[in-house]
């Protein structure tokens, strides 16, 4: 659904990906009717005839502080380990952030999950690969207990549920790591630049598809954008073209294969890790795009800043950490165009 509306808004040619209703769905969504909360907010009753009837609510967040008018939607989801209720609450979440003018560029990879422009790395846990042995064993159990053309036994359904729980565990491990890494990055920086990878095209490489999917870069960037909005931090996505090839010191082109892990420039003599070099280039790209936007006529109009700010006083923010003057950028929603890389996606 999100892809359909995005393609329509951007005016993409060809098929827009019109959403189709699922024949077998594991979730049901309610708006203003079909559900009712108890007085103590510990139970939810589905009044539309759903066979589950009354559900006990176990949550770390107390729904007593929210009125039913604030809850615009309720979604009931069936997962491998039970039923879950998701509540969409109208709430403007804002967190305090101490701005210190810290900036970083992030290079996403497979050897290390991420490398920033200061050379700090975050390990890639490879949750799927670590669980692969157990997943194969559980999958063999399911296959052995399956009888084609006949009603399946309880042992088959138990084996199938055990396999589903293991897959669910892997997905939750990815989600937990993506959320924690994104929050830590936002709390420690005021400007974050990352490369806008086309993951859908990258997974077409069958030699790396499993590792790329296991890294869950997209999930990490989604949480990064969300926490940036909550904390008022600026996030910029830049095209990844030539970030690995260019030298971060002199700008010379240094060709590398995928197995070459060290950047060695023959012109300036710079020697550093290839991911560290790419992270520096990513940060430089983000600062260049931000400077072009602030110095453009559109940037002056949208910022509402004084003339002194419009004449290039943005360097003061980089030194003194006065990022509050650029908080209006957090509300900007522009999609990064691959044909016109001069337009950044900020958000």
C-alpha atoms as a PDB file:
ATOM      1  CA  UNK A   1       0.000   0.000   0.000  1.00  0.00           C
ATOM      2  CA  UNK A   2       2.803   2.425   0.894  1.00  0.00           C
ATOM      3  CA  UNK A   3       4.661   1.686  -2.341  1.00  0.00           C
ATOM      4  CA  UNK A   4       1.483   2.269  -4.394  1.00  0.00           C
ATOM      5  CA  UNK A   5       0.830   5.746  -2.951  1.00  0.00           C
ATOM      6  CA  UNK A   6       4.515   6.644  -3.222  1.00  0.00           C
ATOM      7  CA  UNK A   7       4.657   5.671  -6.909  1.00  0.00           C
ATOM      8  CA  UNK A   8       1.501   7.692  -7.595  1.00  0.00           C
ATOM      9  CA  UNK A   9       2.875  10.737  -5.753  1.00  0.00           C
ATOM     10  CA  UNK A  10       6.178  10.596  -7.638  1.00  0.00           C
ATOM     11  CA  UNK A  11       4.407  10.016 -10.972  1.00  0.00           C
ATOM     12  CA  UNK A  12       6.408   6.938 -11.921  1.00  0.00           C
ATOM     13  CA  UNK A  13       5.656   5.481 -15.320  1.00  0.00           C
ATOM     14  CA  UNK A  14       4.426   1.932 -15.801  1.00  0.00           C
ATOM     15  CA  UNK A  15       2.702  -0.204 -13.201  1.00  0.00           C
ATOM     16  CA  UNK A  16       2.135   1.509  -9.872  1.00  0.00           C
ATOM     17  CA  UNK A  17       1.840  -1.692  -7.838  1.00  0.00           C
ATOM     18  CA  UNK A  18      -1.885  -1.434  -7.141  1.00  0.00           C
ATOM     19  CA  UNK A  19      -2.573  -3.144  -3.787  1.00  0.00           C
ATOM     20  CA  UNK A  20      -4.495  -6.412  -3.796  1.00  0.00           C
ATOM     21  CA  UNK A  21      -6.463  -7.920  -0.970  1.00  0.00           C
ATOM     22  CA  UNK A  22      -4.834 -10.953   0.601  1.00  0.00           C
ATOM     23  CA  UNK A  23      -6.796 -14.170   0.342  1.00  0.00           C
ATOM     24  CA  UNK A  24      -5.257 -15.589   3.523  1.00  0.00           C
ATOM     25  CA  UNK A  25      -4.423 -12.866   6.010  1.00  0.00           C
ATOM     26  CA  UNK A  26      -2.925 -13.132   9.482  1.00  0.00           C
ATOM     27  CA  UNK A  27      -4.110  -9.706  10.604  1.00  0.00           C
ATOM     28  CA  UNK A  28      -7.339  -7.756  10.890  1.00  0.00           C
ATOM     29  CA  UNK A  29      -7.605  -3.999  11.362  1.00  0.00           C
ATOM     30  CA  UNK A  30     -10.355  -2.028  13.097  1.00  0.00           C
ATOM     31  CA  UNK A  31     -10.975   1.698  13.083  1.00  0.00           C
ATOM     32  CA  UNK A  32     -13.662   3.191  15.315  1.00  0.00           C
ATOM     33  CA  UNK A  33     -15.879   0.161  15.709  1.00  0.00           C
ATOM     34  CA  UNK A  34     -15.577  -3.573  16.253  1.00  0.00           C
ATOM     35  CA  UNK A  35     -13.564  -3.317  19.464  1.00  0.00           C
ATOM     36  CA  UNK A  36     -13.984  -2.121  23.028  1.00  0.00           C
ATOM     37  CA  UNK A  37     -11.509  -1.670  25.881  1.00  0.00           C
ATOM     38  CA  UNK A  38     -12.272  -2.524  29.483  1.00  0.00           C
ATOM     39  CA  UNK A  39     -12.291   0.187  32.160  1.00  0.00           C
ATOM     40  CA  UNK A  40      -8.854  -0.808  33.479  1.00  0.00           C
ATOM     41  CA  UNK A  41      -7.455  -1.164  29.917  1.00  0.00           C
ATOM     42  CA  UNK A  42      -6.378  -4.743  30.681  1.00  0.00           C
ATOM     43  CA  UNK A  43      -8.762  -6.420  28.223  1.00  0.00           C
ATOM     44  CA  UNK A  44      -9.999  -5.800  24.709  1.00  0.00           C
ATOM     45  CA  UNK A  45     -13.260  -7.227  23.392  1.00  0.00           C
ATOM     46  CA  UNK A  46     -13.752  -7.760  19.664  1.00  0.00           C
ATOM     47  CA  UNK A  47     -17.449  -7.159  19.032  1.00  0.00           C
ATOM     48  CA  UNK A  48     -17.568  -7.920  15.311  1.00  0.00           C
ATOM     49  CA  UNK A  49     -17.985 -11.674  15.723  1.00  0.00           C
ATOM     50  CA  UNK A  50     -14.290 -12.541  15.725  1.00  0.00           C
ATOM     51  CA  UNK A  51     -14.055 -15.963  17.400  1.00  0.00           C
ATOM     52  CA  UNK A  52     -11.228 -14.944  19.717  1.00  0.00           C
ATOM     53  CA  UNK A  53     -13.681 -12.783  21.685  1.00  0.00           C
ATOM     54  CA  UNK A  54     -11.884 -11.241  24.697  1.00  0.00           C
ATOM     55  CA  UNK A  55      -8.095 -10.789  24.775  1.00  0.00           C
ATOM     56  CA  UNK A  56      -5.980 -10.046  27.847  1.00  0.00           C
ATOM     57  CA  UNK A  57      -3.540  -7.216  27.223  1.00  0.00           C
ATOM     58  CA  UNK A  58       0.030  -7.606  28.484  1.00  0.00           C
ATOM     59  CA  UNK A  59       2.133  -4.553  27.762  1.00  0.00           C
ATOM     60  CA  UNK A  60       4.911  -2.417  29.219  1.00  0.00           C
ATOM     61  CA  UNK A  61       2.895   0.699  28.324  1.00  0.00           C
ATOM     62  CA  UNK A  62      -0.267   1.466  30.263  1.00  0.00           C
ATOM     63  CA  UNK A  63      -3.214   2.351  28.020  1.00  0.00           C
ATOM     64  CA  UNK A  64      -4.983   4.084  30.919  1.00  0.00           C
ATOM     65  CA  UNK A  65      -3.291   7.350  29.936  1.00  0.00           C
ATOM     66  CA  UNK A  66      -4.923   7.305  26.487  1.00  0.00           C
ATOM     67  CA  UNK A  67      -8.598   7.861  25.765  1.00  0.00           C
ATOM     68  CA  UNK A  68     -10.426   5.802  23.149  1.00  0.00           C
ATOM     69  CA  UNK A  69     -10.687   8.933  20.980  1.00  0.00           C
ATOM     70  CA  UNK A  70      -6.878   9.046  20.764  1.00  0.00           C
ATOM     71  CA  UNK A  71      -6.782   5.437  19.531  1.00  0.00           C
ATOM     72  CA  UNK A  72      -7.562   5.753  15.835  1.00  0.00           C
ATOM     73  CA  UNK A  73      -6.907   2.125  14.813  1.00  0.00           C
ATOM     74  CA  UNK A  74      -6.509  -1.306  16.364  1.00  0.00           C
ATOM     75  CA  UNK A  75      -4.787  -4.139  14.515  1.00  0.00           C
ATOM     76  CA  UNK A  76      -4.883  -7.757  15.699  1.00  0.00           C
ATOM     77  CA  UNK A  77      -2.020  -9.887  14.358  1.00  0.00           C
ATOM     78  CA  UNK A  78      -1.514 -13.617  14.636  1.00  0.00           C
ATOM     79  CA  UNK A  79       2.104 -14.661  14.968  1.00  0.00           C
ATOM     80  CA  UNK A  80       3.780 -17.982  15.628  1.00  0.00           C
ATOM     81  CA  UNK A  81       3.711 -17.522  19.401  1.00  0.00           C
ATOM     82  CA  UNK A  82       0.244 -15.999  19.825  1.00  0.00           C
ATOM     83  CA  UNK A  83      -1.970 -13.005  19.090  1.00  0.00           C
ATOM     84  CA  UNK A  84      -0.871  -9.383  19.336  1.00  0.00           C
ATOM     85  CA  UNK A  85      -2.865  -6.143  19.383  1.00  0.00           C
ATOM     86  CA  UNK A  86      -1.330  -2.985  17.938  1.00  0.00           C
ATOM     87  CA  UNK A  87      -2.806   0.409  18.852  1.00  0.00           C
ATOM     88  CA  UNK A  88      -2.328   3.469  16.665  1.00  0.00           C
ATOM     89  CA  UNK A  89      -2.359   6.409  19.094  1.00  0.00           C
ATOM     90  CA  UNK A  90      -2.427  10.078  18.120  1.00  0.00           C
ATOM     91  CA  UNK A  91       0.564  11.269  20.120  1.00  0.00           C
ATOM     92  CA  UNK A  92       3.262  13.805  19.305  1.00  0.00           C
ATOM     93  CA  UNK A  93       6.398  12.183  20.682  1.00  0.00           C
ATOM     94  CA  UNK A  94       9.350  14.488  21.261  1.00  0.00           C
ATOM     95  CA  UNK A  95      12.595  13.756  23.067  1.00  0.00           C
ATOM     96  CA  UNK A  96      15.118  16.280  24.346  1.00  0.00           C
ATOM     97  CA  UNK A  97      18.415  16.289  22.497  1.00  0.00           C
ATOM     98  CA  UNK A  98      21.597  18.047  23.550  1.00  0.00           C
ATOM     99  CA  UNK A  99      23.082  19.518  20.387  1.00  0.00           C
ATOM    100  CA  UNK A 100      26.881  19.565  20.297  1.00  0.00           C
ATOM    101  CA  UNK A 101      27.516  19.897  16.561  1.00  0.00           C
ATOM    102  CA  UNK A 102      28.608  16.287  16.078  1.00  0.00           C
ATOM    103  CA  UNK A 103      28.431  14.966  12.514  1.00  0.00           C
ATOM    104  CA  UNK A 104      28.973  11.502  11.100  1.00  0.00           C
ATOM    105  CA  UNK A 105      28.761   9.594   7.851  1.00  0.00           C
ATOM    106  CA  UNK A 106      27.657   5.957   7.890  1.00  0.00           C
ATOM    107  CA  UNK A 107      28.785   3.281   5.448  1.00  0.00           C
ATOM    108  CA  UNK A 108      26.695   0.097   5.596  1.00  0.00           C
ATOM    109  CA  UNK A 109      28.463  -3.166   4.838  1.00  0.00           C
ATOM    110  CA  UNK A 110      28.551  -6.924   5.303  1.00  0.00           C
ATOM    111  CA  UNK A 111      31.908  -7.468   7.010  1.00  0.00           C
ATOM    112  CA  UNK A 112      30.953  -4.787   9.552  1.00  0.00           C
ATOM    113  CA  UNK A 113      27.335  -3.711   9.800  1.00  0.00           C
ATOM    114  CA  UNK A 114      28.328  -0.045   9.751  1.00  0.00           C
ATOM    115  CA  UNK A 115      31.454   2.087   9.771  1.00  0.00           C
ATOM    116  CA  UNK A 116      31.320   5.792  10.592  1.00  0.00           C
ATOM    117  CA  UNK A 117      33.535   8.606   9.350  1.00  0.00           C
ATOM    118  CA  UNK A 118      35.627   8.460  12.559  1.00  0.00           C
ATOM    119  CA  UNK A 119      36.557   4.828  11.923  1.00  0.00           C
ATOM    120  CA  UNK A 120      34.249   3.304  14.557  1.00  0.00           C
ATOM    121  CA  UNK A 121      32.628   0.047  13.504  1.00  0.00           C
ATOM    122  CA  UNK A 122      29.540  -1.937  14.533  1.00  0.00           C
ATOM    123  CA  UNK A 123      29.740  -5.710  14.186  1.00  0.00           C
ATOM    124  CA  UNK A 124      27.412  -7.575  11.858  1.00  0.00           C
ATOM    125  CA  UNK A 125      25.745 -10.238  14.073  1.00  0.00           C
ATOM    126  CA  UNK A 126      24.500 -12.411  11.136  1.00  0.00           C
ATOM    127  CA  UNK A 127      21.495 -13.744  13.039  1.00  0.00           C
ATOM    128  CA  UNK A 128      20.175 -15.852  10.157  1.00  0.00           C
ATOM    129  CA  UNK A 129      23.514 -17.541   9.462  1.00  0.00           C
ATOM    130  CA  UNK A 130      23.975 -18.360  13.158  1.00  0.00           C
ATOM    131  CA  UNK A 131      20.485 -19.911  13.299  1.00  0.00           C
ATOM    132  CA  UNK A 132      20.765 -21.648   9.938  1.00  0.00           C
ATOM    133  CA  UNK A 133      21.785 -25.013  11.368  1.00  0.00           C
ATOM    134  CA  UNK A 134      18.758 -25.165  13.660  1.00  0.00           C
ATOM    135  CA  UNK A 135      16.453 -23.881  10.915  1.00  0.00           C
ATOM    136  CA  UNK A 136      17.587 -26.667   8.569  1.00  0.00           C
ATOM    137  CA  UNK A 137      16.999 -29.267  11.257  1.00  0.00           C
ATOM    138  CA  UNK A 138      13.489 -27.945  11.974  1.00  0.00           C
ATOM    139  CA  UNK A 139      12.718 -27.763   8.249  1.00  0.00           C
ATOM    140  CA  UNK A 140      13.713 -31.431   7.821  1.00  0.00           C
ATOM    141  CA  UNK A 141      11.339 -32.370  10.635  1.00  0.00           C
ATOM    142  CA  UNK A 142       8.495 -30.551   8.914  1.00  0.00           C
ATOM    143  CA  UNK A 143       9.251 -32.221   5.581  1.00  0.00           C
ATOM    144  CA  UNK A 144       9.428 -35.719   7.105  1.00  0.00           C
ATOM    145  CA  UNK A 145       6.082 -35.339   8.872  1.00  0.00           C
ATOM    146  CA  UNK A 146       4.253 -33.928   5.838  1.00  0.00           C
ATOM    147  CA  UNK A 147       1.962 -36.418   4.053  1.00  0.00           C
ATOM    148  CA  UNK A 148       0.966 -35.315   0.580  1.00  0.00           C
ATOM    149  CA  UNK A 149      -2.739 -35.415  -0.234  1.00  0.00           C
ATOM    150  CA  UNK A 150      -3.850 -36.280   3.317  1.00  0.00           C
ATOM    151  CA  UNK A 151      -4.838 -34.444   6.462  1.00  0.00           C
ATOM    152  CA  UNK A 152      -1.743 -33.491   8.399  1.00  0.00           C
ATOM    153  CA  UNK A 153      -1.124 -34.880  11.884  1.00  0.00           C
ATOM    154  CA  UNK A 154      -0.640 -32.954  15.114  1.00  0.00           C
ATOM    155  CA  UNK A 155       3.071 -33.794  15.018  1.00  0.00           C
ATOM    156  CA  UNK A 156       3.347 -32.034  11.668  1.00  0.00           C
ATOM    157  CA  UNK A 157       1.639 -28.895  12.987  1.00  0.00           C
ATOM    158  CA  UNK A 158       3.856 -28.903  16.087  1.00  0.00           C
ATOM    159  CA  UNK A 159       6.961 -29.141  13.908  1.00  0.00           C
ATOM    160  CA  UNK A 160       5.670 -26.402  11.635  1.00  0.00           C
ATOM    161  CA  UNK A 161       5.014 -24.127  14.608  1.00  0.00           C
ATOM    162  CA  UNK A 162       8.504 -24.756  16.009  1.00  0.00           C
ATOM    163  CA  UNK A 163      10.001 -23.730  12.662  1.00  0.00           C
ATOM    164  CA  UNK A 164       7.853 -20.593  12.553  1.00  0.00           C
ATOM    165  CA  UNK A 165       8.940 -19.624  16.075  1.00  0.00           C
ATOM    166  CA  UNK A 166      12.593 -19.900  15.123  1.00  0.00           C
ATOM    167  CA  UNK A 167      12.067 -17.635  12.104  1.00  0.00           C
ATOM    168  CA  UNK A 168      10.186 -15.211  14.351  1.00  0.00           C
ATOM    169  CA  UNK A 169      13.109 -15.188  16.792  1.00  0.00           C
ATOM    170  CA  UNK A 170      15.536 -14.258  14.016  1.00  0.00           C
ATOM    171  CA  UNK A 171      13.307 -11.419  12.805  1.00  0.00           C
ATOM    172  CA  UNK A 172      12.966 -10.072  16.342  1.00  0.00           C
ATOM    173  CA  UNK A 173      16.729 -10.178  16.833  1.00  0.00           C
ATOM    174  CA  UNK A 174      17.166  -8.066  13.705  1.00  0.00           C
ATOM    175  CA  UNK A 175      14.481  -5.625  14.827  1.00  0.00           C
ATOM    176  CA  UNK A 176      15.972  -5.245  18.298  1.00  0.00           C
ATOM    177  CA  UNK A 177      19.476  -4.579  16.966  1.00  0.00           C
ATOM    178  CA  UNK A 178      18.282  -2.135  14.287  1.00  0.00           C
ATOM    179  CA  UNK A 179      16.293  -0.174  16.861  1.00  0.00           C
ATOM    180  CA  UNK A 180      19.106   0.008  19.438  1.00  0.00           C
ATOM    181  CA  UNK A 181      21.811   0.902  16.904  1.00  0.00           C
ATOM    182  CA  UNK A 182      19.671   3.646  15.339  1.00  0.00           C
ATOM    183  CA  UNK A 183      18.778   5.158  18.724  1.00  0.00           C
ATOM    184  CA  UNK A 184      22.406   5.146  19.890  1.00  0.00           C
ATOM    185  CA  UNK A 185      23.511   6.827  16.666  1.00  0.00           C
ATOM    186  CA  UNK A 186      20.848   9.549  16.890  1.00  0.00           C
ATOM    187  CA  UNK A 187      21.564  10.290  20.557  1.00  0.00           C
ATOM    188  CA  UNK A 188      25.280  10.781  19.926  1.00  0.00           C
ATOM    189  CA  UNK A 189      25.097  12.910  16.739  1.00  0.00           C
ATOM    190  CA  UNK A 190      23.356  16.017  15.425  1.00  0.00           C
ATOM    191  CA  UNK A 191      23.837  15.391  11.698  1.00  0.00           C
ATOM    192  CA  UNK A 192      23.820  11.886  10.199  1.00  0.00           C
ATOM    193  CA  UNK A 193      24.521  11.058   6.553  1.00  0.00           C
ATOM    194  CA  UNK A 194      24.039   7.578   5.133  1.00  0.00           C
ATOM    195  CA  UNK A 195      24.020   6.078   1.666  1.00  0.00           C
ATOM    196  CA  UNK A 196      20.659   5.518   0.016  1.00  0.00           C
ATOM    197  CA  UNK A 197      21.208   1.919  -1.106  1.00  0.00           C
ATOM    198  CA  UNK A 198      18.943   0.285  -3.669  1.00  0.00           C
ATOM    199  CA  UNK A 199      18.573  -2.935  -1.699  1.00  0.00           C
ATOM    200  CA  UNK A 200      15.913  -4.287  -4.050  1.00  0.00           C
ATOM    201  CA  UNK A 201      18.474  -4.309  -6.846  1.00  0.00           C
ATOM    202  CA  UNK A 202      21.358  -5.530  -4.680  1.00  0.00           C
ATOM    203  CA  UNK A 203      19.599  -8.735  -3.613  1.00  0.00           C
ATOM    204  CA  UNK A 204      19.482  -9.795  -7.267  1.00  0.00           C
ATOM    205  CA  UNK A 205      23.081 -10.896  -6.743  1.00  0.00           C
ATOM    206  CA  UNK A 206      22.415 -14.480  -5.613  1.00  0.00           C
ATOM    207  CA  UNK A 207      25.866 -14.792  -4.074  1.00  0.00           C
ATOM    208  CA  UNK A 208      25.160 -12.007  -1.555  1.00  0.00           C
ATOM    209  CA  UNK A 209      21.357 -11.942  -1.354  1.00  0.00           C
ATOM    210  CA  UNK A 210      21.138 -13.923   1.904  1.00  0.00           C
ATOM    211  CA  UNK A 211      23.813 -11.838   3.635  1.00  0.00           C
ATOM    212  CA  UNK A 212      22.259  -8.570   2.462  1.00  0.00           C
ATOM    213  CA  UNK A 213      18.816  -9.587   3.685  1.00  0.00           C
ATOM    214  CA  UNK A 214      20.272 -10.785   6.983  1.00  0.00           C
ATOM    215  CA  UNK A 215      21.956  -7.410   7.555  1.00  0.00           C
ATOM    216  CA  UNK A 216      18.527  -5.637   7.456  1.00  0.00           C
ATOM    217  CA  UNK A 217      19.896  -2.278   6.290  1.00  0.00           C
ATOM    218  CA  UNK A 218      16.462  -1.014   5.303  1.00  0.00           C
ATOM    219  CA  UNK A 219      15.018  -1.674   8.760  1.00  0.00           C
ATOM    220  CA  UNK A 220      17.941   0.186  10.320  1.00  0.00           C
ATOM    221  CA  UNK A 221      17.474   3.252   8.092  1.00  0.00           C
ATOM    222  CA  UNK A 222      13.727   3.342   8.814  1.00  0.00           C
ATOM    223  CA  UNK A 223      14.345   3.421  12.556  1.00  0.00           C
ATOM    224  CA  UNK A 224      17.115   5.970  12.006  1.00  0.00           C
ATOM    225  CA  UNK A 225      14.683   8.328  10.275  1.00  0.00           C
ATOM    226  CA  UNK A 226      12.040   7.793  12.960  1.00  0.00           C
ATOM    227  CA  UNK A 227      14.342   8.518  15.916  1.00  0.00           C
ATOM    228  CA  UNK A 228      15.768  11.506  14.033  1.00  0.00           C
ATOM    229  CA  UNK A 229      12.277  13.012  13.844  1.00  0.00           C
ATOM    230  CA  UNK A 230      11.666  12.354  17.540  1.00  0.00           C
ATOM    231  CA  UNK A 231      14.982  13.920  18.631  1.00  0.00           C
ATOM    232  CA  UNK A 232      15.008  16.717  16.046  1.00  0.00           C
ATOM    233  CA  UNK A 233      18.214  15.447  14.422  1.00  0.00           C
ATOM    234  CA  UNK A 234      18.973  15.984  10.726  1.00  0.00           C
ATOM    235  CA  UNK A 235      19.369  12.853   8.594  1.00  0.00           C
ATOM    236  CA  UNK A 236      20.419  12.988   4.930  1.00  0.00           C
ATOM    237  CA  UNK A 237      20.479  10.107   2.448  1.00  0.00           C
ATOM    238  CA  UNK A 238      22.979  10.494  -0.391  1.00  0.00           C
ATOM    239  CA  UNK A 239      23.518   8.430  -3.555  1.00  0.00           C
ATOM    240  CA  UNK A 240      26.225   5.767  -3.054  1.00  0.00           C
ATOM    241  CA  UNK A 241      27.893   6.424  -6.428  1.00  0.00           C
ATOM    242  CA  UNK A 242      31.713   6.315  -6.232  1.00  0.00           C
ATOM    243  CA  UNK A 243      31.823   6.498  -2.431  1.00  0.00           C
ATOM    244  CA  UNK A 244      34.089   3.446  -2.364  1.00  0.00           C
ATOM    245  CA  UNK A 245      36.138   4.397  -5.440  1.00  0.00           C
ATOM    246  CA  UNK A 246      36.943   8.040  -4.590  1.00  0.00           C
ATOM    247  CA  UNK A 247      39.800   8.860  -2.254  1.00  0.00           C
ATOM    248  CA  UNK A 248      38.527  10.803   0.761  1.00  0.00           C
ATOM    249  CA  UNK A 249      41.794  12.771   0.952  1.00  0.00           C
ATOM    250  CA  UNK A 250      42.488  13.886  -2.625  1.00  0.00           C
ATOM    251  CA  UNK A 251      39.448  12.720  -4.618  1.00  0.00           C
ATOM    252  CA  UNK A 252      41.393  10.442  -6.972  1.00  0.00           C
ATOM    253  CA  UNK A 253      39.726   7.337  -8.392  1.00  0.00           C
ATOM    254  CA  UNK A 254      41.015   4.092  -6.874  1.00  0.00           C
ATOM    255  CA  UNK A 255      39.420   1.000  -8.385  1.00  0.00           C
ATOM    256  CA  UNK A 256      38.782  -1.887  -5.992  1.00  0.00           C
ATOM    257  CA  UNK A 257      37.339  -5.365  -6.144  1.00  0.00           C
ATOM    258  CA  UNK A 258      34.937  -6.612  -3.490  1.00  0.00           C
ATOM    259  CA  UNK A 259      37.742  -8.561  -1.810  1.00  0.00           C
ATOM    260  CA  UNK A 260      39.998  -5.484  -1.537  1.00  0.00           C
ATOM    261  CA  UNK A 261      39.462  -4.282   2.027  1.00  0.00           C
ATOM    262  CA  UNK A 262      42.151  -1.570   2.191  1.00  0.00           C
ATOM    263  CA  UNK A 263      42.091   1.754   0.369  1.00  0.00           C
ATOM    264  CA  UNK A 264      45.529   2.715  -1.010  1.00  0.00           C
ATOM    265  CA  UNK A 265      45.823   5.930  -2.997  1.00  0.00           C
ATOM    266  CA  UNK A 266      48.813   6.173  -5.332  1.00  0.00           C
ATOM    267  CA  UNK A 267      48.536   9.967  -5.647  1.00  0.00           C
ATOM    268  CA  UNK A 268      48.376  11.160  -2.028  1.00  0.00           C
ATOM    269  CA  UNK A 269      49.551   7.959  -0.308  1.00  0.00           C
ATOM    270  CA  UNK A 270      46.471   7.631   1.908  1.00  0.00           C
ATOM    271  CA  UNK A 271      46.016   4.156   3.427  1.00  0.00           C
ATOM    272  CA  UNK A 272      42.879   3.303   5.398  1.00  0.00           C
ATOM    273  CA  UNK A 273      40.069   0.783   5.542  1.00  0.00           C
ATOM    274  CA  UNK A 274      37.807   0.901   2.480  1.00  0.00           C
ATOM    275  CA  UNK A 275      34.650   1.285   4.618  1.00  0.00           C
ATOM    276  CA  UNK A 276      36.226   4.135   6.592  1.00  0.00           C
ATOM    277  CA  UNK A 277      37.140   5.839   3.320  1.00  0.00           C
ATOM    278  CA  UNK A 278      33.593   5.395   2.028  1.00  0.00           C
ATOM    279  CA  UNK A 279      32.103   6.803   5.268  1.00  0.00           C
ATOM    280  CA  UNK A 280      34.242   9.941   4.896  1.00  0.00           C
ATOM    281  CA  UNK A 281      33.053  10.385   1.320  1.00  0.00           C
ATOM    282  CA  UNK A 282      29.439   9.911   2.414  1.00  0.00           C
ATOM    283  CA  UNK A 283      29.771  12.630   5.063  1.00  0.00           C
ATOM    284  CA  UNK A 284      31.391  14.983   2.544  1.00  0.00           C
ATOM    285  CA  UNK A 285      28.545  14.352   0.088  1.00  0.00           C
ATOM    286  CA  UNK A 286      25.950  15.079   2.744  1.00  0.00           C
ATOM    287  CA  UNK A 287      27.621  18.335   3.809  1.00  0.00           C
ATOM    288  CA  UNK A 288      27.886  19.415   0.174  1.00  0.00           C
ATOM    289  CA  UNK A 289      24.203  18.740  -0.472  1.00  0.00           C
ATOM    290  CA  UNK A 290      23.228  20.514   2.742  1.00  0.00           C
ATOM    291  CA  UNK A 291      25.343  23.551   1.844  1.00  0.00           C
ATOM    292  CA  UNK A 292      23.856  23.686  -1.662  1.00  0.00           C
ATOM    293  CA  UNK A 293      20.371  23.528  -0.245  1.00  0.00           C
ATOM    294  CA  UNK A 294      20.971  26.192   2.407  1.00  0.00           C
ATOM    295  CA  UNK A 295      22.592  28.535  -0.110  1.00  0.00           C
ATOM    296  CA  UNK A 296      19.840  28.076  -2.680  1.00  0.00           C
ATOM    297  CA  UNK A 297      16.830  30.357  -3.019  1.00  0.00           C
ATOM    298  CA  UNK A 298      14.521  27.563  -1.902  1.00  0.00           C
ATOM    299  CA  UNK A 299      16.529  27.068   1.258  1.00  0.00           C
ATOM    300  CA  UNK A 300      16.356  30.767   2.118  1.00  0.00           C
ATOM    301  CA  UNK A 301      12.602  30.831   1.604  1.00  0.00           C
ATOM    302  CA  UNK A 302      11.899  27.715   3.624  1.00  0.00           C
ATOM    303  CA  UNK A 303      14.187  28.405   6.547  1.00  0.00           C
ATOM    304  CA  UNK A 304      12.826  31.787   7.541  1.00  0.00           C
ATOM    305  CA  UNK A 305      16.364  32.635   8.669  1.00  0.00           C
ATOM    306  CA  UNK A 306      17.885  36.101   8.818  1.00  0.00           C
ATOM    307  CA  UNK A 307      19.922  37.538   5.987  1.00  0.00           C
ATOM    308  CA  UNK A 308      23.183  36.891   7.849  1.00  0.00           C
ATOM    309  CA  UNK A 309      22.277  33.209   8.029  1.00  0.00           C
ATOM    310  CA  UNK A 310      21.381  33.173   4.352  1.00  0.00           C
ATOM    311  CA  UNK A 311      24.757  34.645   3.390  1.00  0.00           C
ATOM    312  CA  UNK A 312      26.624  31.576   4.562  1.00  0.00           C
ATOM    313  CA  UNK A 313      26.686  31.722   8.348  1.00  0.00           C
ATOM    314  CA  UNK A 314      26.018  27.974   8.479  1.00  0.00           C
ATOM    315  CA  UNK A 315      29.649  27.350   9.525  1.00  0.00           C
ATOM    316  CA  UNK A 316      28.810  28.749  12.965  1.00  0.00           C
ATOM    317  CA  UNK A 317      26.401  25.846  13.470  1.00  0.00           C
ATOM    318  CA  UNK A 318      29.120  23.357  12.621  1.00  0.00           C
ATOM    319  CA  UNK A 319      31.454  24.852  15.240  1.00  0.00           C
ATOM    320  CA  UNK A 320      29.153  25.924  18.059  1.00  0.00           C
ATOM    321  CA  UNK A 321      26.472  23.243  17.720  1.00  0.00           C
ATOM    322  CA  UNK A 322      23.566  25.661  17.158  1.00  0.00           C
ATOM    323  CA  UNK A 323      21.543  23.001  15.304  1.00  0.00           C
ATOM    324  CA  UNK A 324      18.224  24.329  16.595  1.00  0.00           C
ATOM    325  CA  UNK A 325      18.357  26.995  13.890  1.00  0.00           C
ATOM    326  CA  UNK A 326      18.090  24.180  11.332  1.00  0.00           C
ATOM    327  CA  UNK A 327      15.225  22.332  13.009  1.00  0.00           C
ATOM    328  CA  UNK A 328      12.935  23.266  10.117  1.00  0.00           C
ATOM    329  CA  UNK A 329      14.866  20.824   7.958  1.00  0.00           C
ATOM    330  CA  UNK A 330      13.424  17.995  10.029  1.00  0.00           C
ATOM    331  CA  UNK A 331       9.974  18.720   8.593  1.00  0.00           C
ATOM    332  CA  UNK A 332      11.187  18.640   4.998  1.00  0.00           C
ATOM    333  CA  UNK A 333      10.204  15.555   3.023  1.00  0.00           C
ATOM    334  CA  UNK A 334      11.978  15.342  -0.340  1.00  0.00           C
ATOM    335  CA  UNK A 335      12.704  12.106  -2.150  1.00  0.00           C
ATOM    336  CA  UNK A 336      16.210  11.580  -3.402  1.00  0.00           C
ATOM    337  CA  UNK A 337      16.243  11.437  -7.205  1.00  0.00           C
ATOM    338  CA  UNK A 338      18.804   9.153  -8.820  1.00  0.00           C
ATOM    339  CA  UNK A 339      18.647  11.214 -12.019  1.00  0.00           C
ATOM    340  CA  UNK A 340      19.142  14.472 -10.059  1.00  0.00           C
ATOM    341  CA  UNK A 341      21.436  13.677  -7.106  1.00  0.00           C
ATOM    342  CA  UNK A 342      21.606  17.359  -6.075  1.00  0.00           C
ATOM    343  CA  UNK A 343      18.271  17.023  -4.248  1.00  0.00           C
ATOM    344  CA  UNK A 344      18.808  15.355  -0.867  1.00  0.00           C
ATOM    345  CA  UNK A 345      16.285  13.309   1.037  1.00  0.00           C
ATOM    346  CA  UNK A 346      16.123  14.726   4.518  1.00  0.00           C
ATOM    347  CA  UNK A 347      14.053  13.208   7.248  1.00  0.00           C
END
